[in-house]
Amino acid sequence: MEIGIIVANFLYAVFGVILTLIFMLVGFKLFDRVTPFDTSKQLSDNNISVGIVVGSIFIGLGIAVGLVIGMGLN
């Protein structure tokens, strides 16, 4: 296998990880704005239901963006 292809795939994966983290941050901030309560305060108060919803947002965004990255590597 050519080293150039390996390097290109690695850089594409690193860029995908950075993009995924940015989308997760934007998704959390959007969720925090839409809800009538302070999400960070609720998480610090150990509100389990808010934690489950925020975790679901991160998992959903991670799966969606991860599939895009995985399809791009093929």
PDB file of N, CA and C in Angstrom:
ATOM      1  N   MET A   1       0.847  -1.182   0.000  1.00  0.00           N
ATOM      2  CA  MET A   1       0.000   0.000   0.000  1.00  0.00           C
ATOM      3  C   MET A   1       0.888   1.239   0.000  1.00  0.00           C
ATOM      4  N   GLU A   2       0.436   2.228  -0.682  1.00  0.00           N
ATOM      5  CA  GLU A   2       1.205   3.454  -0.809  1.00  0.00           C
ATOM      6  C   GLU A   2       1.119   4.291   0.470  1.00  0.00           C
ATOM      7  N   ILE A   3       2.237   4.857   0.877  1.00  0.00           N
ATOM      8  CA  ILE A   3       2.281   5.654   2.108  1.00  0.00           C
ATOM      9  C   ILE A   3       1.429   6.910   1.991  1.00  0.00           C
ATOM     10  N   GLY A   4       1.322   7.460   0.802  1.00  0.00           N
ATOM     11  CA  GLY A   4       0.508   8.662   0.602  1.00  0.00           C
ATOM     12  C   GLY A   4      -0.959   8.429   0.895  1.00  0.00           C
ATOM     13  N   ILE A   5      -1.455   7.255   0.536  1.00  0.00           N
ATOM     14  CA  ILE A   5      -2.855   6.924   0.801  1.00  0.00           C
ATOM     15  C   ILE A   5      -3.087   6.769   2.294  1.00  0.00           C
ATOM     16  N   ILE A   6      -2.141   6.148   2.979  1.00  0.00           N
ATOM     17  CA  ILE A   6      -2.258   5.964   4.425  1.00  0.00           C
ATOM     18  C   ILE A   6      -2.257   7.315   5.137  1.00  0.00           C
ATOM     19  N   VAL A   7      -1.370   8.194   4.745  1.00  0.00           N
ATOM     20  CA  VAL A   7      -1.295   9.527   5.361  1.00  0.00           C
ATOM     21  C   VAL A   7      -2.573  10.317   5.081  1.00  0.00           C
ATOM     22  N   ALA A   8      -3.072  10.236   3.849  1.00  0.00           N
ATOM     23  CA  ALA A   8      -4.297  10.952   3.495  1.00  0.00           C
ATOM     24  C   ALA A   8      -5.484  10.444   4.313  1.00  0.00           C
ATOM     25  N   ASN A   9      -5.586   9.123   4.477  1.00  0.00           N
ATOM     26  CA  ASN A   9      -6.671   8.561   5.288  1.00  0.00           C
ATOM     27  C   ASN A   9      -6.546   8.966   6.750  1.00  0.00           C
ATOM     28  N   PHE A  10      -5.303   8.987   7.256  1.00  0.00           N
ATOM     29  CA  PHE A  10      -5.095   9.400   8.649  1.00  0.00           C
ATOM     30  C   PHE A  10      -5.494  10.858   8.850  1.00  0.00           C
ATOM     31  N   LEU A  11      -5.083  11.726   7.942  1.00  0.00           N
ATOM     32  CA  LEU A  11      -5.444  13.142   8.050  1.00  0.00           C
ATOM     33  C   LEU A  11      -6.950  13.342   7.921  1.00  0.00           C
ATOM     34  N   TYR A  12      -7.581  12.566   7.051  1.00  0.00           N
ATOM     35  CA  TYR A  12      -9.033  12.642   6.894  1.00  0.00           C
ATOM     36  C   TYR A  12      -9.727  12.212   8.186  1.00  0.00           C
ATOM     37  N   ALA A  13      -9.222  11.168   8.835  1.00  0.00           N
ATOM     38  CA  ALA A  13      -9.804  10.698  10.084  1.00  0.00           C
ATOM     39  C   ALA A  13      -9.619  11.725  11.199  1.00  0.00           C
ATOM     40  N   VAL A  14      -8.439  12.334  11.273  1.00  0.00           N
ATOM     41  CA  VAL A  14      -8.185  13.362  12.298  1.00  0.00           C
ATOM     42  C   VAL A  14      -9.105  14.559  12.075  1.00  0.00           C
ATOM     43  N   PHE A  15      -9.240  14.980  10.825  1.00  0.00           N
ATOM     44  CA  PHE A  15     -10.157  16.074  10.508  1.00  0.00           C
ATOM     45  C   PHE A  15     -11.590  15.698  10.879  1.00  0.00           C
ATOM     46  N   GLY A  16     -11.962  14.450  10.659  1.00  0.00           N
ATOM     47  CA  GLY A  16     -13.309  13.984  11.009  1.00  0.00           C
ATOM     48  C   GLY A  16     -13.548  14.008  12.507  1.00  0.00           C
ATOM     49  N   VAL A  17     -12.541  13.633  13.282  1.00  0.00           N
ATOM     50  CA  VAL A  17     -12.674  13.673  14.739  1.00  0.00           C
ATOM     51  C   VAL A  17     -12.855  15.110  15.224  1.00  0.00           C
ATOM     52  N   ILE A  18     -12.069  16.018  14.692  1.00  0.00           N
ATOM     53  CA  ILE A  18     -12.198  17.427  15.073  1.00  0.00           C
ATOM     54  C   ILE A  18     -13.570  17.962  14.696  1.00  0.00           C
ATOM     55  N   LEU A  19     -14.031  17.616  13.505  1.00  0.00           N
ATOM     56  CA  LEU A  19     -15.348  18.048  13.057  1.00  0.00           C
ATOM     57  C   LEU A  19     -16.448  17.452  13.931  1.00  0.00           C
ATOM     58  N   THR A  20     -16.298  16.198  14.329  1.00  0.00           N
ATOM     59  CA  THR A  20     -17.280  15.558  15.204  1.00  0.00           C
ATOM     60  C   THR A  20     -17.357  16.267  16.544  1.00  0.00           C
ATOM     61  N   LEU A  21     -16.215  16.594  17.121  1.00  0.00           N
ATOM     62  CA  LEU A  21     -16.204  17.300  18.405  1.00  0.00           C
ATOM     63  C   LEU A  21     -16.852  18.679  18.295  1.00  0.00           C
ATOM     64  N   ILE A  22     -16.621  19.353  17.186  1.00  0.00           N
ATOM     65  CA  ILE A  22     -17.247  20.662  16.981  1.00  0.00           C
ATOM     66  C   ILE A  22     -18.758  20.521  16.886  1.00  0.00           C
ATOM     67  N   PHE A  23     -19.226  19.512  16.125  1.00  0.00           N
ATOM     68  CA  PHE A  23     -20.670  19.293  16.009  1.00  0.00           C
ATOM     69  C   PHE A  23     -21.287  18.915  17.349  1.00  0.00           C
ATOM     70  N   MET A  24     -20.575  18.148  18.156  1.00  0.00           N
ATOM     71  CA  MET A  24     -21.091  17.794  19.475  1.00  0.00           C
ATOM     72  C   MET A  24     -21.204  19.026  20.367  1.00  0.00           C
ATOM     73  N   LEU A  25     -20.224  19.907  20.304  1.00  0.00           N
ATOM     74  CA  LEU A  25     -20.269  21.136  21.085  1.00  0.00           C
ATOM     75  C   LEU A  25     -21.423  22.027  20.635  1.00  0.00           C
ATOM     76  N   VAL A  26     -21.590  22.166  19.313  1.00  0.00           N
ATOM     77  CA  VAL A  26     -22.688  22.979  18.780  1.00  0.00           C
ATOM     78  C   VAL A  26     -24.032  22.362  19.165  1.00  0.00           C
ATOM     79  N   GLY A  27     -24.141  21.039  19.088  1.00  0.00           N
ATOM     80  CA  GLY A  27     -25.386  20.367  19.467  1.00  0.00           C
ATOM     81  C   GLY A  27     -25.728  20.576  20.934  1.00  0.00           C
ATOM     82  N   PHE A  28     -24.721  20.504  21.798  1.00  0.00           N
ATOM     83  CA  PHE A  28     -24.964  20.735  23.224  1.00  0.00           C
ATOM     84  C   PHE A  28     -25.382  22.178  23.477  1.00  0.00           C
ATOM     85  N   LYS A  29     -24.704  23.124  22.841  1.00  0.00           N
ATOM     86  CA  LYS A  29     -25.057  24.536  23.031  1.00  0.00           C
ATOM     87  C   LYS A  29     -26.471  24.825  22.517  1.00  0.00           C
ATOM     88  N   LEU A  30     -26.838  24.220  21.387  1.00  0.00           N
ATOM     89  CA  LEU A  30     -28.182  24.393  20.851  1.00  0.00           C
ATOM     90  C   LEU A  30     -29.220  23.797  21.791  1.00  0.00           C
ATOM     91  N   PHE A  31     -28.948  22.618  22.321  1.00  0.00           N
ATOM     92  CA  PHE A  31     -29.855  22.001  23.290  1.00  0.00           C
ATOM     93  C   PHE A  31     -29.985  22.868  24.534  1.00  0.00           C
ATOM     94  N   ASP A  32     -28.881  23.460  24.981  1.00  0.00           N
ATOM     95  CA  ASP A  32     -28.905  24.316  26.166  1.00  0.00           C
ATOM     96  C   ASP A  32     -29.746  25.566  25.932  1.00  0.00           C
ATOM     97  N   ARG A  33     -29.714  26.094  24.712  1.00  0.00           N
ATOM     98  CA  ARG A  33     -30.525  27.278  24.400  1.00  0.00           C
ATOM     99  C   ARG A  33     -32.007  26.966  24.271  1.00  0.00           C
ATOM    100  N   VAL A  34     -32.316  25.788  23.730  1.00  0.00           N
ATOM    101  CA  VAL A  34     -33.709  25.430  23.464  1.00  0.00           C
ATOM    102  C   VAL A  34     -34.451  25.098  24.757  1.00  0.00           C
ATOM    103  N   THR A  35     -33.774  24.471  25.690  1.00  0.00           N
ATOM    104  CA  THR A  35     -34.439  24.064  26.926  1.00  0.00           C
ATOM    105  C   THR A  35     -34.616  25.263  27.863  1.00  0.00           C
ATOM    106  N   PRO A  36     -35.701  25.260  28.654  1.00  0.00           N
ATOM    107  CA  PRO A  36     -35.952  26.400  29.544  1.00  0.00           C
ATOM    108  C   PRO A  36     -35.108  26.392  30.814  1.00  0.00           C
ATOM    109  N   PHE A  37     -34.270  25.391  31.004  1.00  0.00           N
ATOM    110  CA  PHE A  37     -33.435  25.307  32.202  1.00  0.00           C
ATOM    111  C   PHE A  37     -31.961  25.311  31.804  1.00  0.00           C
ATOM    112  N   ASP A  38     -31.098  25.555  32.781  1.00  0.00           N
ATOM    113  CA  ASP A  38     -29.660  25.556  32.552  1.00  0.00           C
ATOM    114  C   ASP A  38     -29.151  24.123  32.600  1.00  0.00           C
ATOM    115  N   THR A  39     -28.766  23.603  31.450  1.00  0.00           N
ATOM    116  CA  THR A  39     -28.353  22.205  31.349  1.00  0.00           C
ATOM    117  C   THR A  39     -27.114  21.928  32.195  1.00  0.00           C
ATOM    118  N   SER A  40     -26.148  22.815  32.173  1.00  0.00           N
ATOM    119  CA  SER A  40     -24.918  22.601  32.944  1.00  0.00           C
ATOM    120  C   SER A  40     -25.215  22.534  34.443  1.00  0.00           C
ATOM    121  N   LYS A  41     -26.112  23.392  34.915  1.00  0.00           N
ATOM    122  CA  LYS A  41     -26.465  23.376  36.333  1.00  0.00           C
ATOM    123  C   LYS A  41     -27.193  22.082  36.694  1.00  0.00           C
ATOM    124  N   GLN A  42     -28.082  21.651  35.815  1.00  0.00           N
ATOM    125  CA  GLN A  42     -28.803  20.398  36.069  1.00  0.00           C
ATOM    126  C   GLN A  42     -27.846  19.198  36.095  1.00  0.00           C
ATOM    127  N   LEU A  43     -26.859  19.211  35.211  1.00  0.00           N
ATOM    128  CA  LEU A  43     -25.875  18.122  35.211  1.00  0.00           C
ATOM    129  C   LEU A  43     -25.018  18.143  36.473  1.00  0.00           C
ATOM    130  N   SER A  44     -24.674  19.344  36.927  1.00  0.00           N
ATOM    131  CA  SER A  44     -23.867  19.431  38.152  1.00  0.00           C
ATOM    132  C   SER A  44     -24.680  19.046  39.386  1.00  0.00           C
ATOM    133  N   ASP A  45     -26.017  19.185  39.294  1.00  0.00           N
ATOM    134  CA  ASP A  45     -26.899  18.764  40.396  1.00  0.00           C
ATOM    135  C   ASP A  45     -27.260  17.286  40.310  1.00  0.00           C
ATOM    136  N   ASN A  46     -26.597  16.544  39.422  1.00  0.00           N
ATOM    137  CA  ASN A  46     -26.793  15.100  39.245  1.00  0.00           C
ATOM    138  C   ASN A  46     -28.209  14.738  38.810  1.00  0.00           C
ATOM    139  N   ASN A  47     -28.774  15.524  37.900  1.00  0.00           N
ATOM    140  CA  ASN A  47     -30.086  15.212  37.336  1.00  0.00           C
ATOM    141  C   ASN A  47     -29.895  14.109  36.292  1.00  0.00           C
ATOM    142  N   ILE A  48     -30.357  12.918  36.628  1.00  0.00           N
ATOM    143  CA  ILE A  48     -30.126  11.742  35.787  1.00  0.00           C
ATOM    144  C   ILE A  48     -30.812  11.873  34.439  1.00  0.00           C
ATOM    145  N   SER A  49     -32.032  12.398  34.417  1.00  0.00           N
ATOM    146  CA  SER A  49     -32.774  12.476  33.153  1.00  0.00           C
ATOM    147  C   SER A  49     -32.095  13.427  32.162  1.00  0.00           C
ATOM    148  N   VAL A  50     -31.571  14.525  32.639  1.00  0.00           N
ATOM    149  CA  VAL A  50     -30.843  15.446  31.753  1.00  0.00           C
ATOM    150  C   VAL A  50     -29.561  14.793  31.265  1.00  0.00           C
ATOM    151  N   GLY A  51     -28.912  14.043  32.124  1.00  0.00           N
ATOM    152  CA  GLY A  51     -27.698  13.337  31.724  1.00  0.00           C
ATOM    153  C   GLY A  51     -27.957  12.311  30.640  1.00  0.00           C
ATOM    154  N   ILE A  52     -29.074  11.606  30.738  1.00  0.00           N
ATOM    155  CA  ILE A  52     -29.422  10.618  29.718  1.00  0.00           C
ATOM    156  C   ILE A  52     -29.690  11.302  28.383  1.00  0.00           C
ATOM    157  N   VAL A  53     -30.405  12.423  28.416  1.00  0.00           N
ATOM    158  CA  VAL A  53     -30.714  13.136  27.171  1.00  0.00           C
ATOM    159  C   VAL A  53     -29.443  13.702  26.536  1.00  0.00           C
ATOM    160  N   VAL A  54     -28.579  14.297  27.319  1.00  0.00           N
ATOM    161  CA  VAL A  54     -27.332  14.853  26.789  1.00  0.00           C
ATOM    162  C   VAL A  54     -26.441  13.729  26.247  1.00  0.00           C
ATOM    163  N   GLY A  55     -26.382  12.631  26.956  1.00  0.00           N
ATOM    164  CA  GLY A  55     -25.617  11.485  26.460  1.00  0.00           C
ATOM    165  C   GLY A  55     -26.174  10.956  25.148  1.00  0.00           C
ATOM    166  N   SER A  56     -27.495  10.949  25.028  1.00  0.00           N
ATOM    167  CA  SER A  56     -28.129  10.505  23.783  1.00  0.00           C
ATOM    168  C   SER A  56     -27.805  11.442  22.628  1.00  0.00           C
ATOM    169  N   ILE A  57     -27.748  12.732  22.903  1.00  0.00           N
ATOM    170  CA  ILE A  57     -27.374  13.700  21.872  1.00  0.00           C
ATOM    171  C   ILE A  57     -25.953  13.407  21.385  1.00  0.00           C
ATOM    172  N   PHE A  58     -25.030  13.186  22.320  1.00  0.00           N
ATOM    173  CA  PHE A  58     -23.641  12.914  21.948  1.00  0.00           C
ATOM    174  C   PHE A  58     -23.515  11.602  21.172  1.00  0.00           C
ATOM    175  N   ILE A  59     -24.238  10.581  21.593  1.00  0.00           N
ATOM    176  CA  ILE A  59     -24.181   9.294  20.890  1.00  0.00           C
ATOM    177  C   ILE A  59     -24.754   9.429  19.487  1.00  0.00           C
ATOM    178  N   GLY A  60     -25.894  10.105  19.358  1.00  0.00           N
ATOM    179  CA  GLY A  60     -26.514  10.287  18.047  1.00  0.00           C
ATOM    180  C   GLY A  60     -25.639  11.067  17.090  1.00  0.00           C
ATOM    181  N   LEU A  61     -25.078  12.166  17.564  1.00  0.00           N
ATOM    182  CA  LEU A  61     -24.188  12.948  16.703  1.00  0.00           C
ATOM    183  C   LEU A  61     -22.927  12.168  16.361  1.00  0.00           C
ATOM    184  N   GLY A  62     -22.404  11.424  17.329  1.00  0.00           N
ATOM    185  CA  GLY A  62     -21.209  10.640  17.081  1.00  0.00           C
ATOM    186  C   GLY A  62     -21.436   9.558  16.037  1.00  0.00           C
ATOM    187  N   ILE A  63     -22.582   8.903  16.106  1.00  0.00           N
ATOM    188  CA  ILE A  63     -22.892   7.870  15.117  1.00  0.00           C
ATOM    189  C   ILE A  63     -23.054   8.489  13.737  1.00  0.00           C
ATOM    190  N   ALA A  64     -23.795   9.588  13.644  1.00  0.00           N
ATOM    191  CA  ALA A  64     -24.043  10.213  12.355  1.00  0.00           C
ATOM    192  C   ALA A  64     -22.762  10.685  11.710  1.00  0.00           C
ATOM    193  N   VAL A  65     -21.950  11.420  12.431  1.00  0.00           N
ATOM    194  CA  VAL A  65     -20.718  11.945  11.853  1.00  0.00           C
ATOM    195  C   VAL A  65     -19.711  10.818  11.638  1.00  0.00           C
ATOM    196  N   GLY A  66     -19.703   9.826  12.530  1.00  0.00           N
ATOM    197  CA  GLY A  66     -18.813   8.691  12.350  1.00  0.00           C
ATOM    198  C   GLY A  66     -19.109   7.898  11.088  1.00  0.00           C
ATOM    199  N   LEU A  67     -20.386   7.778  10.759  1.00  0.00           N
ATOM    200  CA  LEU A  67     -20.737   7.095   9.515  1.00  0.00           C
ATOM    201  C   LEU A  67     -20.253   7.878   8.297  1.00  0.00           C
ATOM    202  N   VAL A  68     -20.352   9.187   8.367  1.00  0.00           N
ATOM    203  CA  VAL A  68     -19.862  10.008   7.253  1.00  0.00           C
ATOM    204  C   VAL A  68     -18.359   9.846   7.104  1.00  0.00           C
ATOM    205  N   ILE A  69     -17.644   9.831   8.211  1.00  0.00           N
ATOM    206  CA  ILE A  69     -16.189   9.654   8.164  1.00  0.00           C
ATOM    207  C   ILE A  69     -15.850   8.274   7.629  1.00  0.00           C
ATOM    208  N   GLY A  70     -16.547   7.254   8.129  1.00  0.00           N
ATOM    209  CA  GLY A  70     -16.282   5.892   7.684  1.00  0.00           C
ATOM    210  C   GLY A  70     -16.556   5.698   6.199  1.00  0.00           C
ATOM    211  N   MET A  71     -17.601   6.304   5.700  1.00  0.00           N
ATOM    212  CA  MET A  71     -17.912   6.197   4.275  1.00  0.00           C
ATOM    213  C   MET A  71     -16.860   6.913   3.440  1.00  0.00           C
ATOM    214  N   GLY A  72     -16.306   7.986   3.973  1.00  0.00           N
ATOM    215  CA  GLY A  72     -15.287   8.736   3.239  1.00  0.00           C
ATOM    216  C   GLY A  72     -13.959   8.006   3.157  1.00  0.00           C
ATOM    217  N   LEU A  73     -13.679   7.121   4.114  1.00  0.00           N
ATOM    218  CA  LEU A  73     -12.417   6.385   4.111  1.00  0.00           C
ATOM    219  C   LEU A  73     -12.415   5.245   3.104  1.00  0.00           C
ATOM    220  N   ASN A  74     -13.576   4.872   2.639  1.00  0.00           N
ATOM    221  CA  ASN A  74     -13.641   3.754   1.659  1.00  0.00           C
ATOM    222  C   ASN A  74     -13.412   4.241   0.315  1.00  0.00           C
TER     223      ASN A  74
END
